[in-house]
């Protein structure tokens, strides 16, 4: 069985691979963005972005990515969840989401953790304990559902 480690990207190569994977998924494959998917949440220190990766062992290949960032006060958002082709069976995505929630719980700064997810991923997030909020909204021409994680429970 394949083994993965889920961690905050810290090494320069992990960060390079993290941004490469995001570009492959959101710019090249899904064509949601033109040249780059990097935005102010990645670059403005106020947002305190945390880049999380899934690394396949023993190769050390980054096969999944997600970011968490502060939008205001103690409200944080998870986004840009992505898995490399061949790793989209749910294991990598599930591990990334669980690790992101645990990171938000343990950091002490997050009291509310949100994510905008594409409609086909709503049930996946619900199985992980997330709750839909309101109606879907358009984001770059694609419907997205606002979801909230249960940060309060142990």
Protein backbone atom coordinates (compact mmCIF):
# COMPACT_ATOMS: atom_id res chain seq x y z
CA UNK A 1 0.00 0.00 0.00
CA UNK A 2 1.25 3.49 -0.84
CA UNK A 3 2.39 5.62 2.08
CA UNK A 4 2.00 9.36 2.39
CA UNK A 5 3.03 11.95 4.91
CA UNK A 6 0.97 15.13 5.35
CA UNK A 7 2.92 18.16 6.52
CA UNK A 8 3.39 21.89 6.35
CA UNK A 9 5.71 22.55 3.41
CA UNK A 10 8.95 23.90 4.76
CA UNK A 11 11.75 22.95 2.43
CA UNK A 12 12.31 25.03 -0.69
CA UNK A 13 11.80 22.01 -2.97
CA UNK A 14 8.49 21.16 -1.27
CA UNK A 15 7.26 24.72 -1.82
CA UNK A 16 8.37 24.65 -5.46
CA UNK A 17 6.56 21.33 -5.99
CA UNK A 18 3.51 22.66 -4.10
CA UNK A 19 3.16 25.67 -6.44
CA UNK A 20 3.95 23.52 -9.50
CA UNK A 21 1.12 21.11 -8.62
CA UNK A 22 -1.34 23.96 -8.04
CA UNK A 23 -0.39 25.46 -11.42
CA UNK A 24 -0.84 22.11 -13.18
CA UNK A 25 -4.30 21.60 -11.67
CA UNK A 26 -5.83 25.10 -11.64
CA UNK A 27 -4.11 26.79 -14.60
CA UNK A 28 -3.24 24.03 -17.07
CA UNK A 29 -5.85 21.35 -16.37
CA UNK A 30 -8.97 23.15 -15.11
CA UNK A 31 -8.13 26.49 -16.78
CA UNK A 32 -9.67 28.43 -13.88
CA UNK A 33 -6.80 30.94 -13.98
CA UNK A 34 -4.82 32.39 -16.87
CA UNK A 35 -1.12 32.57 -16.12
CA UNK A 36 -0.99 31.80 -12.40
CA UNK A 37 -3.23 30.87 -9.48
CA UNK A 38 -1.03 32.75 -6.99
CA UNK A 39 -2.96 35.61 -5.38
CA UNK A 40 -2.82 38.03 -2.45
CA UNK A 41 -3.52 35.21 0.01
CA UNK A 42 -0.20 33.64 -0.99
CA UNK A 43 1.77 36.88 -0.91
CA UNK A 44 0.35 39.22 1.77
CA UNK A 45 1.81 38.46 5.23
CA UNK A 46 -1.50 39.48 6.92
CA UNK A 47 -3.06 36.23 5.70
CA UNK A 48 -0.42 34.01 7.37
CA UNK A 49 -0.74 31.39 4.62
CA UNK A 50 0.14 27.82 5.52
CA UNK A 51 1.06 25.58 2.58
CA UNK A 52 0.32 21.90 3.24
CA UNK A 53 1.57 19.03 1.12
CA UNK A 54 1.08 15.31 0.76
CA UNK A 55 4.40 13.61 0.13
CA UNK A 56 4.57 10.08 -1.26
CA UNK A 57 7.07 7.89 0.56
CA UNK A 58 9.78 6.85 0.07
CA UNK A 59 10.18 8.87 -3.15
CA UNK A 60 9.52 12.26 -1.56
CA UNK A 61 7.24 13.31 -4.43
CA UNK A 62 4.64 16.00 -3.65
CA UNK A 63 1.32 14.51 -4.84
CA UNK A 64 -1.15 16.78 -3.06
CA UNK A 65 -1.50 20.36 -1.89
CA UNK A 66 -3.82 22.66 0.03
CA UNK A 67 -3.41 26.09 1.58
CA UNK A 68 -4.89 27.62 4.72
CA UNK A 69 -4.99 31.37 5.25
CA UNK A 70 -6.52 33.93 7.56
CA UNK A 71 -9.17 36.22 6.06
CA UNK A 72 -9.95 38.19 9.22
CA UNK A 73 -9.53 37.83 12.96
CA UNK A 74 -9.87 34.16 13.85
CA UNK A 75 -11.54 33.12 10.56
CA UNK A 76 -9.42 31.04 8.20
CA UNK A 77 -10.06 29.51 4.78
CA UNK A 78 -8.76 26.34 3.17
CA UNK A 79 -8.33 26.38 -0.57
CA UNK A 80 -6.57 25.24 -3.71
CA UNK A 81 -7.01 21.59 -2.67
CA UNK A 82 -5.32 19.57 -5.39
CA UNK A 83 -4.01 16.09 -6.07
CA UNK A 84 -1.78 14.94 -8.89
CA UNK A 85 -3.28 12.67 -11.56
CA UNK A 86 -3.18 9.11 -10.29
CA UNK A 87 -3.72 10.26 -6.69
CA UNK A 88 -7.36 11.35 -6.91
CA UNK A 89 -8.94 8.29 -5.32
CA UNK A 90 -9.73 10.22 -2.13
CA UNK A 91 -6.82 9.13 0.09
CA UNK A 92 -4.62 12.14 -0.65
CA UNK A 93 -7.50 14.63 -0.58
CA UNK A 94 -8.91 13.16 2.62
CA UNK A 95 -5.52 13.24 4.31
CA UNK A 96 -4.93 16.84 3.24
CA UNK A 97 -8.32 18.02 4.50
CA UNK A 98 -7.95 16.17 7.83
CA UNK A 99 -4.42 17.52 8.31
CA UNK A 100 -5.57 21.06 7.46
CA UNK A 101 -8.40 20.86 10.02
CA UNK A 102 -6.03 19.47 12.66
CA UNK A 103 -3.50 22.22 11.87
CA UNK A 104 -6.20 24.86 12.31
CA UNK A 105 -7.38 23.29 15.59
CA UNK A 106 -3.89 23.04 17.05
CA UNK A 107 -2.67 26.47 15.96
CA UNK A 108 -4.87 28.34 18.41
CA UNK A 109 -5.60 31.23 16.05
CA UNK A 110 -8.55 29.69 14.19
CA UNK A 111 -12.07 29.61 15.59
CA UNK A 112 -13.83 29.32 12.22
CA UNK A 113 -12.49 27.33 9.23
CA UNK A 114 -14.20 27.70 5.85
CA UNK A 115 -13.68 26.41 2.31
CA UNK A 116 -15.32 27.04 -1.05
CA UNK A 117 -15.61 23.70 -2.83
CA UNK A 118 -16.79 22.69 -6.27
CA UNK A 119 -20.22 20.98 -6.24
CA UNK A 120 -18.84 17.53 -7.02
CA UNK A 121 -16.78 17.72 -3.79
CA UNK A 122 -19.57 18.74 -1.37
CA UNK A 123 -20.42 15.16 -0.31
CA UNK A 124 -16.72 14.38 0.16
CA UNK A 125 -16.41 17.30 2.59
CA UNK A 126 -19.66 16.37 4.35
CA UNK A 127 -18.27 12.87 5.00
CA UNK A 128 -15.31 14.61 6.68
CA UNK A 129 -17.65 16.54 8.99
CA UNK A 130 -17.99 19.81 7.07
CA UNK A 131 -21.35 21.61 6.78
CA UNK A 132 -22.64 23.54 3.74
CA UNK A 133 -23.52 27.20 4.33
CA UNK A 134 -25.97 29.05 2.09
CA UNK A 135 -26.33 28.60 -1.66
CA UNK A 136 -23.51 27.97 -4.17
CA UNK A 137 -21.71 31.06 -5.48
CA UNK A 138 -19.84 31.67 -8.74
CA UNK A 139 -16.05 31.77 -8.49
CA UNK A 140 -14.16 32.37 -11.74
CA UNK A 141 -17.26 31.17 -13.61
CA UNK A 142 -17.58 27.91 -11.66
CA UNK A 143 -20.13 27.24 -8.89
CA UNK A 144 -18.61 26.76 -5.43
CA UNK A 145 -20.30 25.83 -2.17
CA UNK A 146 -19.19 27.49 1.06
CA UNK A 147 -18.46 24.82 3.70
CA UNK A 148 -17.47 25.05 7.36
CA UNK A 149 -15.40 22.60 9.39
CA UNK A 150 -16.23 21.67 12.96
CA UNK A 151 -13.25 23.27 14.69
CA UNK A 152 -14.81 23.27 18.16
CA UNK A 153 -15.00 19.49 18.65
CA UNK A 154 -12.03 17.54 19.95
